[in-house]
Amino acid sequence: MPAAESPRLRKKLTSFIIEDPHTITRALSLMRVAHNLERIGDHAANIAEDIVYLREGHDIRHQQNKPLAPSP
């Protein structure tokens, strides 16, 4: 989930809770699922960065939108 999606989703689910209190449990569960999916994506990105470092020998962490050089 892109970084901008999480606040939008949280805002939308919060509005559902305000409109209908019966949705509290379901909305909170969806918020937790979205948070955990975001964490899974972060962990997958970290693993991929480690693999690139082990294979290519250069650190690609904290580089935004920079293309990688092709492998020799």
PDB file of N, CA and C in Angstrom:
ATOM      1  N   MET A   1       0.842  -1.168   0.000  1.00  0.00           N
ATOM      2  CA  MET A   1       0.000   0.000   0.000  1.00  0.00           C
ATOM      3  C   MET A   1       0.892   1.237   0.000  1.00  0.00           C
ATOM      4  N   PRO A   2       0.683   2.125  -0.936  1.00  0.00           N
ATOM      5  CA  PRO A   2       1.480   3.342  -0.923  1.00  0.00           C
ATOM      6  C   PRO A   2       1.284   4.119   0.373  1.00  0.00           C
ATOM      7  N   ALA A   3       2.295   4.905   0.730  1.00  0.00           N
ATOM      8  CA  ALA A   3       2.258   5.625   1.995  1.00  0.00           C
ATOM      9  C   ALA A   3       1.028   6.527   2.110  1.00  0.00           C
ATOM     10  N   ALA A   4       0.569   7.079   1.011  1.00  0.00           N
ATOM     11  CA  ALA A   4      -0.588   7.979   1.053  1.00  0.00           C
ATOM     12  C   ALA A   4      -1.899   7.238   1.277  1.00  0.00           C
ATOM     13  N   GLU A   5      -1.940   5.949   0.984  1.00  0.00           N
ATOM     14  CA  GLU A   5      -3.176   5.183   1.115  1.00  0.00           C
ATOM     15  C   GLU A   5      -3.543   4.933   2.573  1.00  0.00           C
ATOM     16  N   SER A   6      -2.565   4.717   3.421  1.00  0.00           N
ATOM     17  CA  SER A   6      -2.837   4.388   4.810  1.00  0.00           C
ATOM     18  C   SER A   6      -3.627   5.477   5.533  1.00  0.00           C
ATOM     19  N   PRO A   7      -3.216   6.745   5.466  1.00  0.00           N
ATOM     20  CA  PRO A   7      -4.029   7.780   6.124  1.00  0.00           C
ATOM     21  C   PRO A   7      -5.423   7.923   5.518  1.00  0.00           C
ATOM     22  N   ARG A   8      -5.531   7.751   4.202  1.00  0.00           N
ATOM     23  CA  ARG A   8      -6.853   7.843   3.569  1.00  0.00           C
ATOM     24  C   ARG A   8      -7.759   6.721   4.047  1.00  0.00           C
ATOM     25  N   LEU A   9      -7.218   5.524   4.130  1.00  0.00           N
ATOM     26  CA  LEU A   9      -8.006   4.394   4.601  1.00  0.00           C
ATOM     27  C   LEU A   9      -8.422   4.599   6.048  1.00  0.00           C
ATOM     28  N   ARG A  10      -7.492   5.043   6.875  1.00  0.00           N
ATOM     29  CA  ARG A  10      -7.794   5.279   8.289  1.00  0.00           C
ATOM     30  C   ARG A  10      -8.893   6.328   8.432  1.00  0.00           C
ATOM     31  N   LYS A  11      -8.814   7.391   7.622  1.00  0.00           N
ATOM     32  CA  LYS A  11      -9.818   8.450   7.684  1.00  0.00           C
ATOM     33  C   LYS A  11     -11.191   7.923   7.257  1.00  0.00           C
ATOM     34  N   LYS A  12     -11.202   7.128   6.203  1.00  0.00           N
ATOM     35  CA  LYS A  12     -12.465   6.583   5.711  1.00  0.00           C
ATOM     36  C   LYS A  12     -13.095   5.635   6.737  1.00  0.00           C
ATOM     37  N   LEU A  13     -12.273   4.768   7.329  1.00  0.00           N
ATOM     38  CA  LEU A  13     -12.801   3.843   8.328  1.00  0.00           C
ATOM     39  C   LEU A  13     -13.264   4.582   9.577  1.00  0.00           C
ATOM     40  N   THR A  14     -12.565   5.638   9.939  1.00  0.00           N
ATOM     41  CA  THR A  14     -12.992   6.448  11.080  1.00  0.00           C
ATOM     42  C   THR A  14     -14.345   7.088  10.810  1.00  0.00           C
ATOM     43  N   SER A  15     -14.558   7.541   9.586  1.00  0.00           N
ATOM     44  CA  SER A  15     -15.866   8.132   9.260  1.00  0.00           C
ATOM     45  C   SER A  15     -16.969   7.075   9.318  1.00  0.00           C
ATOM     46  N   PHE A  16     -16.673   5.834   8.923  1.00  0.00           N
ATOM     47  CA  PHE A  16     -17.659   4.758   9.059  1.00  0.00           C
ATOM     48  C   PHE A  16     -18.007   4.523  10.520  1.00  0.00           C
ATOM     49  N   ILE A  17     -16.992   4.563  11.390  1.00  0.00           N
ATOM     50  CA  ILE A  17     -17.223   4.353  12.819  1.00  0.00           C
ATOM     51  C   ILE A  17     -18.120   5.460  13.372  1.00  0.00           C
ATOM     52  N   ILE A  18     -17.866   6.694  12.962  1.00  0.00           N
ATOM     53  CA  ILE A  18     -18.662   7.827  13.457  1.00  0.00           C
ATOM     54  C   ILE A  18     -20.100   7.722  12.966  1.00  0.00           C
ATOM     55  N   GLU A  19     -20.276   7.336  11.704  1.00  0.00           N
ATOM     56  CA  GLU A  19     -21.619   7.228  11.136  1.00  0.00           C
ATOM     57  C   GLU A  19     -22.407   6.080  11.743  1.00  0.00           C
ATOM     58  N   ASP A  20     -21.755   4.962  11.989  1.00  0.00           N
ATOM     59  CA  ASP A  20     -22.455   3.785  12.506  1.00  0.00           C
ATOM     60  C   ASP A  20     -21.570   3.076  13.525  1.00  0.00           C
ATOM     61  N   PRO A  21     -21.827   3.265  14.810  1.00  0.00           N
ATOM     62  CA  PRO A  21     -20.994   2.654  15.845  1.00  0.00           C
ATOM     63  C   PRO A  21     -20.944   1.121  15.796  1.00  0.00           C
ATOM     64  N   HIS A  22     -21.891   0.510  15.095  1.00  0.00           N
ATOM     65  CA  HIS A  22     -21.870  -0.959  14.975  1.00  0.00           C
ATOM     66  C   HIS A  22     -20.694  -1.448  14.127  1.00  0.00           C
ATOM     67  N   THR A  23     -20.056  -0.541  13.403  1.00  0.00           N
ATOM     68  CA  THR A  23     -18.936  -0.932  12.538  1.00  0.00           C
ATOM     69  C   THR A  23     -17.584  -0.834  13.236  1.00  0.00           C
ATOM     70  N   ILE A  24     -17.562  -0.499  14.521  1.00  0.00           N
ATOM     71  CA  ILE A  24     -16.300  -0.289  15.230  1.00  0.00           C
ATOM     72  C   ILE A  24     -15.394  -1.515  15.154  1.00  0.00           C
ATOM     73  N   THR A  25     -15.912  -2.668  15.502  1.00  0.00           N
ATOM     74  CA  THR A  25     -15.086  -3.880  15.527  1.00  0.00           C
ATOM     75  C   THR A  25     -14.537  -4.194  14.140  1.00  0.00           C
ATOM     76  N   ARG A  26     -15.401  -4.137  13.139  1.00  0.00           N
ATOM     77  CA  ARG A  26     -14.972  -4.438  11.776  1.00  0.00           C
ATOM     78  C   ARG A  26     -13.952  -3.415  11.275  1.00  0.00           C
ATOM     79  N   ALA A  27     -14.195  -2.142  11.530  1.00  0.00           N
ATOM     80  CA  ALA A  27     -13.282  -1.093  11.060  1.00  0.00           C
ATOM     81  C   ALA A  27     -11.920  -1.204  11.742  1.00  0.00           C
ATOM     82  N   LEU A  28     -11.920  -1.455  13.051  1.00  0.00           N
ATOM     83  CA  LEU A  28     -10.643  -1.601  13.754  1.00  0.00           C
ATOM     84  C   LEU A  28      -9.874  -2.822  13.256  1.00  0.00           C
ATOM     85  N   SER A  29     -10.585  -3.883  12.936  1.00  0.00           N
ATOM     86  CA  SER A  29      -9.935  -5.074  12.383  1.00  0.00           C
ATOM     87  C   SER A  29      -9.304  -4.752  11.027  1.00  0.00           C
ATOM     88  N   LEU A  30     -10.026  -4.019  10.197  1.00  0.00           N
ATOM     89  CA  LEU A  30      -9.484  -3.628   8.891  1.00  0.00           C
ATOM     90  C   LEU A  30      -8.278  -2.710   9.035  1.00  0.00           C
ATOM     91  N   MET A  31      -8.308  -1.809  10.022  1.00  0.00           N
ATOM     92  CA  MET A  31      -7.146  -0.951  10.271  1.00  0.00           C
ATOM     93  C   MET A  31      -5.936  -1.777  10.676  1.00  0.00           C
ATOM     94  N   ARG A  32      -6.166  -2.773  11.516  1.00  0.00           N
ATOM     95  CA  ARG A  32      -5.069  -3.640  11.949  1.00  0.00           C
ATOM     96  C   ARG A  32      -4.520  -4.453  10.771  1.00  0.00           C
ATOM     97  N   VAL A  33      -5.401  -4.959   9.930  1.00  0.00           N
ATOM     98  CA  VAL A  33      -4.968  -5.711   8.746  1.00  0.00           C
ATOM     99  C   VAL A  33      -4.144  -4.821   7.829  1.00  0.00           C
ATOM    100  N   ALA A  34      -4.615  -3.598   7.583  1.00  0.00           N
ATOM    101  CA  ALA A  34      -3.882  -2.678   6.705  1.00  0.00           C
ATOM    102  C   ALA A  34      -2.501  -2.367   7.288  1.00  0.00           C
ATOM    103  N   HIS A  35      -2.444  -2.156   8.589  1.00  0.00           N
ATOM    104  CA  HIS A  35      -1.163  -1.881   9.239  1.00  0.00           C
ATOM    105  C   HIS A  35      -0.211  -3.071   9.089  1.00  0.00           C
ATOM    106  N   ASN A  36      -0.730  -4.267   9.328  1.00  0.00           N
ATOM    107  CA  ASN A  36       0.116  -5.461   9.222  1.00  0.00           C
ATOM    108  C   ASN A  36       0.570  -5.721   7.791  1.00  0.00           C
ATOM    109  N   LEU A  37      -0.286  -5.464   6.812  1.00  0.00           N
ATOM    110  CA  LEU A  37       0.116  -5.602   5.406  1.00  0.00           C
ATOM    111  C   LEU A  37       1.212  -4.612   5.056  1.00  0.00           C
ATOM    112  N   GLU A  38       1.106  -3.406   5.594  1.00  0.00           N
ATOM    113  CA  GLU A  38       2.143  -2.411   5.360  1.00  0.00           C
ATOM    114  C   GLU A  38       3.477  -2.870   5.966  1.00  0.00           C
ATOM    115  N   ARG A  39       3.418  -3.465   7.149  1.00  0.00           N
ATOM    116  CA  ARG A  39       4.634  -3.986   7.782  1.00  0.00           C
ATOM    117  C   ARG A  39       5.231  -5.128   6.974  1.00  0.00           C
ATOM    118  N   ILE A  40       4.373  -6.012   6.437  1.00  0.00           N
ATOM    119  CA  ILE A  40       4.860  -7.111   5.609  1.00  0.00           C
ATOM    120  C   ILE A  40       5.590  -6.552   4.387  1.00  0.00           C
ATOM    121  N   GLY A  41       5.013  -5.522   3.764  1.00  0.00           N
ATOM    122  CA  GLY A  41       5.663  -4.888   2.616  1.00  0.00           C
ATOM    123  C   GLY A  41       7.008  -4.285   2.984  1.00  0.00           C
ATOM    124  N   ASP A  42       7.081  -3.663   4.154  1.00  0.00           N
ATOM    125  CA  ASP A  42       8.353  -3.093   4.609  1.00  0.00           C
ATOM    126  C   ASP A  42       9.397  -4.183   4.822  1.00  0.00           C
ATOM    127  N   HIS A  43       8.973  -5.288   5.432  1.00  0.00           N
ATOM    128  CA  HIS A  43       9.911  -6.398   5.650  1.00  0.00           C
ATOM    129  C   HIS A  43      10.383  -6.996   4.322  1.00  0.00           C
ATOM    130  N   ALA A  44       9.462  -7.139   3.371  1.00  0.00           N
ATOM    131  CA  ALA A  44       9.837  -7.668   2.056  1.00  0.00           C
ATOM    132  C   ALA A  44      10.835  -6.746   1.363  1.00  0.00           C
ATOM    133  N   ALA A  45      10.626  -5.437   1.481  1.00  0.00           N
ATOM    134  CA  ALA A  45      11.566  -4.489   0.886  1.00  0.00           C
ATOM    135  C   ALA A  45      12.938  -4.599   1.549  1.00  0.00           C
ATOM    136  N   ASN A  46      12.960  -4.766   2.867  1.00  0.00           N
ATOM    137  CA  ASN A  46      14.235  -4.923   3.577  1.00  0.00           C
ATOM    138  C   ASN A  46      14.970  -6.183   3.126  1.00  0.00           C
ATOM    139  N   ILE A  47      14.235  -7.263   2.958  1.00  0.00           N
ATOM    140  CA  ILE A  47      14.846  -8.514   2.490  1.00  0.00           C
ATOM    141  C   ILE A  47      15.414  -8.327   1.089  1.00  0.00           C
ATOM    142  N   ALA A  48      14.651  -7.675   0.220  1.00  0.00           N
ATOM    143  CA  ALA A  48      15.117  -7.431  -1.152  1.00  0.00           C
ATOM    144  C   ALA A  48      16.381  -6.565  -1.155  1.00  0.00           C
ATOM    145  N   GLU A  49      16.433  -5.552  -0.300  1.00  0.00           N
ATOM    146  CA  GLU A  49      17.619  -4.703  -0.215  1.00  0.00           C
ATOM    147  C   GLU A  49      18.830  -5.504   0.264  1.00  0.00           C
ATOM    148  N   ASP A  50      18.616  -6.397   1.217  1.00  0.00           N
ATOM    149  CA  ASP A  50      19.714  -7.248   1.698  1.00  0.00           C
ATOM    150  C   ASP A  50      20.219  -8.163   0.592  1.00  0.00           C
ATOM    151  N   ILE A  51      19.298  -8.711  -0.200  1.00  0.00           N
ATOM    152  CA  ILE A  51      19.689  -9.601  -1.293  1.00  0.00           C
ATOM    153  C   ILE A  51      20.506  -8.833  -2.333  1.00  0.00           C
ATOM    154  N   VAL A  52      20.067  -7.624  -2.667  1.00  0.00           N
ATOM    155  CA  VAL A  52      20.830  -6.815  -3.627  1.00  0.00           C
ATOM    156  C   VAL A  52      22.228  -6.541  -3.086  1.00  0.00           C
ATOM    157  N   TYR A  53      22.308  -6.220  -1.792  1.00  0.00           N
ATOM    158  CA  TYR A  53      23.621  -5.953  -1.205  1.00  0.00           C
ATOM    159  C   TYR A  53      24.507  -7.200  -1.258  1.00  0.00           C
ATOM    160  N   LEU A  54      23.951  -8.360  -0.923  1.00  0.00           N
ATOM    161  CA  LEU A  54      24.737  -9.592  -0.944  1.00  0.00           C
ATOM    162  C   LEU A  54      25.165  -9.967  -2.355  1.00  0.00           C
ATOM    163  N   ARG A  55      24.287  -9.743  -3.326  1.00  0.00           N
ATOM    164  CA  ARG A  55      24.577 -10.138  -4.712  1.00  0.00           C
ATOM    165  C   ARG A  55      25.447  -9.125  -5.434  1.00  0.00           C
ATOM    166  N   GLU A  56      25.105  -7.831  -5.292  1.00  0.00           N
ATOM    167  CA  GLU A  56      25.759  -6.783  -6.073  1.00  0.00           C
ATOM    168  C   GLU A  56      26.880  -6.068  -5.316  1.00  0.00           C
ATOM    169  N   GLY A  57      26.813  -6.093  -3.993  1.00  0.00           N
ATOM    170  CA  GLY A  57      27.846  -5.450  -3.200  1.00  0.00           C
ATOM    171  C   GLY A  57      27.655  -3.963  -2.992  1.00  0.00           C
ATOM    172  N   HIS A  58      26.470  -3.454  -3.294  1.00  0.00           N
ATOM    173  CA  HIS A  58      26.232  -2.049  -2.993  1.00  0.00           C
ATOM    174  C   HIS A  58      24.902  -1.886  -2.267  1.00  0.00           C
ATOM    175  N   ASP A  59      24.876  -0.868  -1.431  1.00  0.00           N
ATOM    176  CA  ASP A  59      23.733  -0.612  -0.561  1.00  0.00           C
ATOM    177  C   ASP A  59      22.729   0.270  -1.293  1.00  0.00           C
ATOM    178  N   ILE A  60      21.505  -0.214  -1.428  1.00  0.00           N
ATOM    179  CA  ILE A  60      20.472   0.558  -2.125  1.00  0.00           C
ATOM    180  C   ILE A  60      19.444   1.135  -1.166  1.00  0.00           C
ATOM    181  N   ARG A  61      19.652   0.965   0.132  1.00  0.00           N
ATOM    182  CA  ARG A  61      18.692   1.488   1.099  1.00  0.00           C
ATOM    183  C   ARG A  61      18.654   3.008   1.038  1.00  0.00           C
ATOM    184  N   HIS A  62      17.489   3.544   1.307  1.00  0.00           N
ATOM    185  CA  HIS A  62      17.258   4.983   1.412  1.00  0.00           C
ATOM    186  C   HIS A  62      17.503   5.734   0.108  1.00  0.00           C
ATOM    187  N   GLN A  63      17.413   5.057  -1.006  1.00  0.00           N
ATOM    188  CA  GLN A  63      17.518   5.707  -2.310  1.00  0.00           C
ATOM    189  C   GLN A  63      16.116   5.759  -2.901  1.00  0.00           C
ATOM    190  N   GLN A  64      15.637   6.946  -3.153  1.00  0.00           N
ATOM    191  CA  GLN A  64      14.298   7.109  -3.699  1.00  0.00           C
ATOM    192  C   GLN A  64      14.365   7.308  -5.216  1.00  0.00           C
ATOM    193  N   ASN A  65      13.703   6.418  -5.939  1.00  0.00           N
ATOM    194  CA  ASN A  65      13.531   6.557  -7.384  1.00  0.00           C
ATOM    195  C   ASN A  65      14.839   6.635  -8.162  1.00  0.00           C
ATOM    196  N   LYS A  66      15.883   5.987  -7.697  1.00  0.00           N
ATOM    197  CA  LYS A  66      17.123   5.939  -8.444  1.00  0.00           C
ATOM    198  C   LYS A  66      17.232   4.576  -9.121  1.00  0.00           C
ATOM    199  N   PRO A  67      17.429   4.538 -10.441  1.00  0.00           N
ATOM    200  CA  PRO A  67      17.513   3.258 -11.119  1.00  0.00           C
ATOM    201  C   PRO A  67      18.801   2.526 -10.733  1.00  0.00           C
ATOM    202  N   LEU A  68      18.707   1.216 -10.682  1.00  0.00           N
ATOM    203  CA  LEU A  68      19.876   0.391 -10.384  1.00  0.00           C
ATOM    204  C   LEU A  68      20.702   0.194 -11.626  1.00  0.00           C
ATOM    205  N   ALA A  69      22.002   0.104 -11.446  1.00  0.00           N
ATOM    206  CA  ALA A  69      22.894  -0.211 -12.557  1.00  0.00           C
ATOM    207  C   ALA A  69      22.716  -1.683 -12.910  1.00  0.00           C
ATOM    208  N   PRO A  70      22.806  -2.044 -14.180  1.00  0.00           N
ATOM    209  CA  PRO A  70      22.636  -3.460 -14.555  1.00  0.00           C
ATOM    210  C   PRO A  70      23.760  -4.319 -13.970  1.00  0.00           C
ATOM    211  N   SER A  71      23.419  -5.574 -13.697  1.00  0.00           N
ATOM    212  CA  SER A  71      24.400  -6.522 -13.166  1.00  0.00           C
ATOM    213  C   SER A  71      25.433  -6.861 -14.216  1.00  0.00           C
ATOM    214  N   PRO A  72      26.706  -7.029 -13.817  1.00  0.00           N
ATOM    215  CA  PRO A  72      27.717  -7.424 -14.802  1.00  0.00           C
ATOM    216  C   PRO A  72      27.573  -8.864 -15.230  1.00  0.00           C
TER     217      PRO A  72
END
